[in-house]
PDB file of all heavy atoms in Angstrom:
ATOM      1  N   GLU A   1       0.871  -1.165   0.000  1.00  0.00           N
ATOM      2  CA  GLU A   1       0.000   0.000   0.000  1.00  0.00           C
ATOM      3  C   GLU A   1       0.915   1.224   0.000  1.00  0.00           C
ATOM      4  O   GLU A   1       1.650   1.458   0.966  1.00  0.00           O
ATOM      5  CB  GLU A   1      -0.909   0.029   1.232  1.00  0.00           C
ATOM      6  CG  GLU A   1      -1.991  -1.037   1.247  1.00  0.00           C
ATOM      7  CD  GLU A   1      -3.151  -0.713   0.325  1.00  0.00           C
ATOM      8  OE1 GLU A   1      -3.207   0.434  -0.183  1.00  0.00           O
ATOM      9  OE2 GLU A   1      -3.999  -1.595   0.111  1.00  0.00           O
ATOM     10  N   ILE A   2       0.900   1.975  -1.088  1.00  0.00           N
ATOM     11  CA  ILE A   2       1.772   3.135  -1.246  1.00  0.00           C
ATOM     12  C   ILE A   2       0.914   4.389  -1.237  1.00  0.00           C
ATOM     13  O   ILE A   2       0.004   4.537  -2.071  1.00  0.00           O
ATOM     14  CB  ILE A   2       2.578   3.059  -2.560  1.00  0.00           C
ATOM     15  CG1 ILE A   2       3.350   1.734  -2.649  1.00  0.00           C
ATOM     16  CG2 ILE A   2       3.518   4.257  -2.680  1.00  0.00           C
ATOM     17  CD1 ILE A   2       4.395   1.531  -1.588  1.00  0.00           C
ATOM     18  N   ALA A   3       1.196   5.296  -0.319  1.00  0.00           N
ATOM     19  CA  ALA A   3       0.405   6.522  -0.219  1.00  0.00           C
ATOM     20  C   ALA A   3       0.756   7.490  -1.338  1.00  0.00           C
ATOM     21  O   ALA A   3       1.836   7.424  -1.949  1.00  0.00           O
ATOM     22  CB  ALA A   3       0.651   7.186   1.137  1.00  0.00           C
ATOM     23  N   ASP A   4      -0.154   8.403  -1.596  1.00  0.00           N
ATOM     24  CA  ASP A   4       0.092   9.469  -2.561  1.00  0.00           C
ATOM     25  C   ASP A   4       1.339  10.268  -2.164  1.00  0.00           C
ATOM     26  O   ASP A   4       1.572  10.560  -0.989  1.00  0.00           O
ATOM     27  CB  ASP A   4      -1.129  10.392  -2.602  1.00  0.00           C
ATOM     28  CG  ASP A   4      -0.930  11.587  -3.503  1.00  0.00           C
ATOM     29  OD1 ASP A   4      -0.566  11.401  -4.675  1.00  0.00           O
ATOM     30  OD2 ASP A   4      -1.127  12.720  -3.027  1.00  0.00           O
ATOM     31  N   HIS A   5       2.169  10.606  -3.155  1.00  0.00           N
ATOM     32  CA  HIS A   5       3.352  11.457  -2.998  1.00  0.00           C
ATOM     33  C   HIS A   5       4.460  10.801  -2.182  1.00  0.00           C
ATOM     34  O   HIS A   5       5.307  11.478  -1.619  1.00  0.00           O
ATOM     35  CB  HIS A   5       2.971  12.815  -2.396  1.00  0.00           C
ATOM     36  CG  HIS A   5       4.044  13.855  -2.532  1.00  0.00           C
ATOM     37  ND1 HIS A   5       4.781  14.041  -3.687  1.00  0.00           N
ATOM     38  CD2 HIS A   5       4.511  14.777  -1.647  1.00  0.00           C
ATOM     39  CE1 HIS A   5       5.641  15.023  -3.502  1.00  0.00           C
ATOM     40  NE2 HIS A   5       5.496  15.488  -2.270  1.00  0.00           N
ATOM     41  N   GLU A   6       4.477   9.483  -2.126  1.00  0.00           N
ATOM     42  CA  GLU A   6       5.635   8.794  -1.558  1.00  0.00           C
ATOM     43  C   GLU A   6       6.770   8.781  -2.584  1.00  0.00           C
ATOM     44  O   GLU A   6       6.534   8.848  -3.798  1.00  0.00           O
ATOM     45  CB  GLU A   6       5.290   7.350  -1.188  1.00  0.00           C
ATOM     46  CG  GLU A   6       4.387   7.200   0.013  1.00  0.00           C
ATOM     47  CD  GLU A   6       5.166   7.107   1.316  1.00  0.00           C
ATOM     48  OE1 GLU A   6       6.339   7.514   1.355  1.00  0.00           O
ATOM     49  OE2 GLU A   6       4.580   6.629   2.299  1.00  0.00           O
ATOM     50  N   PHE A   7       7.986   8.676  -2.101  1.00  0.00           N
ATOM     51  CA  PHE A   7       9.162   8.456  -2.947  1.00  0.00           C
ATOM     52  C   PHE A   7       9.708   7.088  -2.530  1.00  0.00           C
ATOM     53  O   PHE A   7      10.392   6.953  -1.521  1.00  0.00           O
ATOM     54  CB  PHE A   7      10.212   9.546  -2.741  1.00  0.00           C
ATOM     55  CG  PHE A   7      11.295   9.591  -3.792  1.00  0.00           C
ATOM     56  CD1 PHE A   7      11.633  10.794  -4.391  1.00  0.00           C
ATOM     57  CD2 PHE A   7      11.972   8.448  -4.182  1.00  0.00           C
ATOM     58  CE1 PHE A   7      12.635  10.862  -5.369  1.00  0.00           C
ATOM     59  CE2 PHE A   7      12.966   8.487  -5.151  1.00  0.00           C
ATOM     60  CZ  PHE A   7      13.295   9.711  -5.739  1.00  0.00           C
ATOM     61  N   VAL A   8       9.363   6.062  -3.310  1.00  0.00           N
ATOM     62  CA  VAL A   8       9.684   4.682  -2.958  1.00  0.00           C
ATOM     63  C   VAL A   8      10.956   4.267  -3.679  1.00  0.00           C
ATOM     64  O   VAL A   8      11.010   4.275  -4.916  1.00  0.00           O
ATOM     65  CB  VAL A   8       8.534   3.736  -3.355  1.00  0.00           C
ATOM     66  CG1 VAL A   8       8.869   2.298  -2.972  1.00  0.00           C
ATOM     67  CG2 VAL A   8       7.232   4.183  -2.697  1.00  0.00           C
ATOM     68  N   THR A   9      11.987   3.902  -2.929  1.00  0.00           N
ATOM     69  CA  THR A   9      13.211   3.383  -3.532  1.00  0.00           C
ATOM     70  C   THR A   9      13.228   1.865  -3.370  1.00  0.00           C
ATOM     71  O   THR A   9      12.781   1.324  -2.359  1.00  0.00           O
ATOM     72  CB  THR A   9      14.461   4.008  -2.897  1.00  0.00           C
ATOM     73  OG1 THR A   9      14.399   3.877  -1.465  1.00  0.00           O
ATOM     74  CG2 THR A   9      14.564   5.479  -3.243  1.00  0.00           C
ATOM     75  N   ILE A  10      13.753   1.191  -4.399  1.00  0.00           N
ATOM     76  CA  ILE A  10      13.697  -0.269  -4.469  1.00  0.00           C
ATOM     77  C   ILE A  10      15.095  -0.815  -4.709  1.00  0.00           C
ATOM     78  O   ILE A  10      15.766  -0.415  -5.666  1.00  0.00           O
ATOM     79  CB  ILE A  10      12.762  -0.731  -5.604  1.00  0.00           C
ATOM     80  CG1 ILE A  10      11.358  -0.150  -5.406  1.00  0.00           C
ATOM     81  CG2 ILE A  10      12.709  -2.244  -5.684  1.00  0.00           C
ATOM     82  CD1 ILE A  10      10.433  -0.370  -6.600  1.00  0.00           C
ATOM     83  N   VAL A  11      15.540  -1.718  -3.836  1.00  0.00           N
ATOM     84  CA  VAL A  11      16.847  -2.346  -3.983  1.00  0.00           C
ATOM     85  C   VAL A  11      16.673  -3.867  -3.957  1.00  0.00           C
ATOM     86  O   VAL A  11      15.619  -4.379  -3.586  1.00  0.00           O
ATOM     87  CB  VAL A  11      17.821  -1.906  -2.862  1.00  0.00           C
ATOM     88  CG1 VAL A  11      18.071  -0.408  -2.922  1.00  0.00           C
ATOM     89  CG2 VAL A  11      17.287  -2.305  -1.487  1.00  0.00           C
ATOM     90  N   GLY A  12      17.730  -4.552  -4.340  1.00  0.00           N
ATOM     91  CA  GLY A  12      17.691  -6.015  -4.348  1.00  0.00           C
ATOM     92  C   GLY A  12      18.725  -6.561  -5.305  1.00  0.00           C
ATOM     93  O   GLY A  12      19.274  -5.831  -6.142  1.00  0.00           O
ATOM     94  N   ALA A  13      18.995  -7.841  -5.190  1.00  0.00           N
ATOM     95  CA  ALA A  13      19.997  -8.486  -6.039  1.00  0.00           C
ATOM     96  C   ALA A  13      19.570  -8.435  -7.502  1.00  0.00           C
ATOM     97  O   ALA A  13      18.379  -8.344  -7.826  1.00  0.00           O
ATOM     98  CB  ALA A  13      20.189  -9.938  -5.598  1.00  0.00           C
ATOM     99  N   SER A  14      20.546  -8.501  -8.394  1.00  0.00           N
ATOM    100  CA  SER A  14      20.264  -8.534  -9.819  1.00  0.00           C
ATOM    101  C   SER A  14      19.380  -9.734 -10.151  1.00  0.00           C
ATOM    102  O   SER A  14      19.609 -10.840  -9.668  1.00  0.00           O
ATOM    103  CB  SER A  14      21.574  -8.615 -10.608  1.00  0.00           C
ATOM    104  OG  SER A  14      21.328  -8.677 -11.987  1.00  0.00           O
ATOM    105  N   GLY A  15      18.360  -9.505 -10.976  1.00  0.00           N
ATOM    106  CA  GLY A  15      17.488 -10.589 -11.398  1.00  0.00           C
ATOM    107  C   GLY A  15      16.357 -10.922 -10.453  1.00  0.00           C
ATOM    108  O   GLY A  15      15.658 -11.922 -10.658  1.00  0.00           O
ATOM    109  N   CYS A  16      16.136 -10.096  -9.427  1.00  0.00           N
ATOM    110  CA  CYS A  16      15.092 -10.416  -8.444  1.00  0.00           C
ATOM    111  C   CYS A  16      13.751  -9.755  -8.768  1.00  0.00           C
ATOM    112  O   CYS A  16      12.857  -9.728  -7.923  1.00  0.00           O
ATOM    113  CB  CYS A  16      15.546 -10.042  -7.032  1.00  0.00           C
ATOM    114  SG  CYS A  16      15.637  -8.272  -6.738  1.00  0.00           S
ATOM    115  N   GLY A  17      13.597  -9.216  -9.965  1.00  0.00           N
ATOM    116  CA  GLY A  17      12.288  -8.743 -10.387  1.00  0.00           C
ATOM    117  C   GLY A  17      12.010  -7.273 -10.194  1.00  0.00           C
ATOM    118  O   GLY A  17      10.865  -6.838 -10.389  1.00  0.00           O
ATOM    119  N   LYS A  18      13.013  -6.465  -9.852  1.00  0.00           N
ATOM    120  CA  LYS A  18      12.772  -5.040  -9.610  1.00  0.00           C
ATOM    121  C   LYS A  18      12.274  -4.335 -10.872  1.00  0.00           C
ATOM    122  O   LYS A  18      11.281  -3.613 -10.847  1.00  0.00           O
ATOM    123  CB  LYS A  18      14.055  -4.371  -9.101  1.00  0.00           C
ATOM    124  CG  LYS A  18      14.648  -4.986  -7.848  1.00  0.00           C
ATOM    125  CD  LYS A  18      15.859  -4.230  -7.349  1.00  0.00           C
ATOM    126  CE  LYS A  18      17.004  -4.135  -8.350  1.00  0.00           C
ATOM    127  NZ  LYS A  18      17.596  -5.460  -8.685  1.00  0.00           N
ATOM    128  N   THR A  19      12.976  -4.544 -11.980  1.00  0.00           N
ATOM    129  CA  THR A  19      12.579  -3.903 -13.235  1.00  0.00           C
ATOM    130  C   THR A  19      11.257  -4.469 -13.733  1.00  0.00           C
ATOM    131  O   THR A  19      10.422  -3.739 -14.277  1.00  0.00           O
ATOM    132  CB  THR A  19      13.679  -4.061 -14.292  1.00  0.00           C
ATOM    133  OG1 THR A  19      14.853  -3.353 -13.852  1.00  0.00           O
ATOM    134  CG2 THR A  19      13.245  -3.494 -15.635  1.00  0.00           C
ATOM    135  N   THR A  20      11.035  -5.762 -13.546  1.00  0.00           N
ATOM    136  CA  THR A  20       9.748  -6.362 -13.917  1.00  0.00           C
ATOM    137  C   THR A  20       8.609  -5.698 -13.153  1.00  0.00           C
ATOM    138  O   THR A  20       7.537  -5.422 -13.709  1.00  0.00           O
ATOM    139  CB  THR A  20       9.765  -7.872 -13.638  1.00  0.00           C
ATOM    140  OG1 THR A  20      10.777  -8.487 -14.431  1.00  0.00           O
ATOM    141  CG2 THR A  20       8.424  -8.512 -13.957  1.00  0.00           C
ATOM    142  N   PHE A  21       8.832  -5.409 -11.875  1.00  0.00           N
ATOM    143  CA  PHE A  21       7.821  -4.731 -11.064  1.00  0.00           C
ATOM    144  C   PHE A  21       7.525  -3.341 -11.633  1.00  0.00           C
ATOM    145  O   PHE A  21       6.351  -2.950 -11.758  1.00  0.00           O
ATOM    146  CB  PHE A  21       8.301  -4.639  -9.622  1.00  0.00           C
ATOM    147  CG  PHE A  21       7.343  -3.951  -8.689  1.00  0.00           C
ATOM    148  CD1 PHE A  21       6.100  -4.492  -8.427  1.00  0.00           C
ATOM    149  CD2 PHE A  21       7.684  -2.754  -8.080  1.00  0.00           C
ATOM    150  CE1 PHE A  21       5.199  -3.853  -7.574  1.00  0.00           C
ATOM    151  CE2 PHE A  21       6.810  -2.113  -7.226  1.00  0.00           C
ATOM    152  CZ  PHE A  21       5.560  -2.662  -6.970  1.00  0.00           C
ATOM    153  N   LEU A  22       8.572  -2.593 -12.016  1.00  0.00           N
ATOM    154  CA  LEU A  22       8.352  -1.280 -12.622  1.00  0.00           C
ATOM    155  C   LEU A  22       7.566  -1.399 -13.926  1.00  0.00           C
ATOM    156  O   LEU A  22       6.680  -0.585 -14.210  1.00  0.00           O
ATOM    157  CB  LEU A  22       9.682  -0.579 -12.904  1.00  0.00           C
ATOM    158  CG  LEU A  22      10.434   0.078 -11.755  1.00  0.00           C
ATOM    159  CD1 LEU A  22      11.501   1.016 -12.317  1.00  0.00           C
ATOM    160  CD2 LEU A  22       9.535   0.834 -10.813  1.00  0.00           C
ATOM    161  N   LYS A  23       7.893  -2.409 -14.724  1.00  0.00           N
ATOM    162  CA  LYS A  23       7.195  -2.593 -15.995  1.00  0.00           C
ATOM    163  C   LYS A  23       5.717  -2.902 -15.775  1.00  0.00           C
ATOM    164  O   LYS A  23       4.868  -2.490 -16.575  1.00  0.00           O
ATOM    165  CB  LYS A  23       7.859  -3.704 -16.806  1.00  0.00           C
ATOM    166  CG  LYS A  23       9.211  -3.314 -17.393  1.00  0.00           C
ATOM    167  CD  LYS A  23       9.825  -4.456 -18.193  1.00  0.00           C
ATOM    168  CE  LYS A  23      11.138  -4.035 -18.834  1.00  0.00           C
ATOM    169  NZ  LYS A  23      11.763  -5.142 -19.607  1.00  0.00           N
ATOM    170  N   MET A  24       5.395  -3.599 -14.708  1.00  0.00           N
ATOM    171  CA  MET A  24       3.983  -3.846 -14.399  1.00  0.00           C
ATOM    172  C   MET A  24       3.297  -2.556 -13.959  1.00  0.00           C
ATOM    173  O   MET A  24       2.138  -2.301 -14.311  1.00  0.00           O
ATOM    174  CB  MET A  24       3.854  -4.939 -13.336  1.00  0.00           C
ATOM    175  CG  MET A  24       4.171  -6.322 -13.860  1.00  0.00           C
ATOM    176  SD  MET A  24       3.649  -7.668 -12.763  1.00  0.00           S
ATOM    177  CE  MET A  24       4.753  -7.408 -11.380  1.00  0.00           C
ATOM    178  N   LEU A  25       3.990  -1.720 -13.183  1.00  0.00           N
ATOM    179  CA  LEU A  25       3.424  -0.425 -12.807  1.00  0.00           C
ATOM    180  C   LEU A  25       3.200   0.456 -14.037  1.00  0.00           C
ATOM    181  O   LEU A  25       2.233   1.219 -14.099  1.00  0.00           O
ATOM    182  CB  LEU A  25       4.342   0.288 -11.817  1.00  0.00           C
ATOM    183  CG  LEU A  25       4.423  -0.286 -10.405  1.00  0.00           C
ATOM    184  CD1 LEU A  25       5.536   0.409  -9.625  1.00  0.00           C
ATOM    185  CD2 LEU A  25       3.095  -0.138  -9.669  1.00  0.00           C
ATOM    186  N   LEU A  26       4.095   0.343 -15.010  1.00  0.00           N
ATOM    187  CA  LEU A  26       3.977   1.139 -16.236  1.00  0.00           C
ATOM    188  C   LEU A  26       2.873   0.615 -17.145  1.00  0.00           C
ATOM    189  O   LEU A  26       2.261   1.378 -17.901  1.00  0.00           O
ATOM    190  CB  LEU A  26       5.314   1.142 -16.983  1.00  0.00           C
ATOM    191  CG  LEU A  26       5.413   1.992 -18.249  1.00  0.00           C
ATOM    192  CD1 LEU A  26       5.160   3.467 -17.949  1.00  0.00           C
ATOM    193  CD2 LEU A  26       6.779   1.816 -18.906  1.00  0.00           C
ATOM    194  N   GLY A  27       2.609  -0.686 -17.098  1.00  0.00           N
ATOM    195  CA  GLY A  27       1.638  -1.295 -17.987  1.00  0.00           C
ATOM    196  C   GLY A  27       2.264  -2.050 -19.140  1.00  0.00           C
ATOM    197  O   GLY A  27       1.562  -2.601 -19.989  1.00  0.00           O
TER     198      GLY A  27
END
């Protein structure tokens, strides 16, 4: 649950789905 106007930073090992998660947010 992310509130309006949050600045969410995302870290994790390479290949753990971070970019995939962004692509889902983008559509």
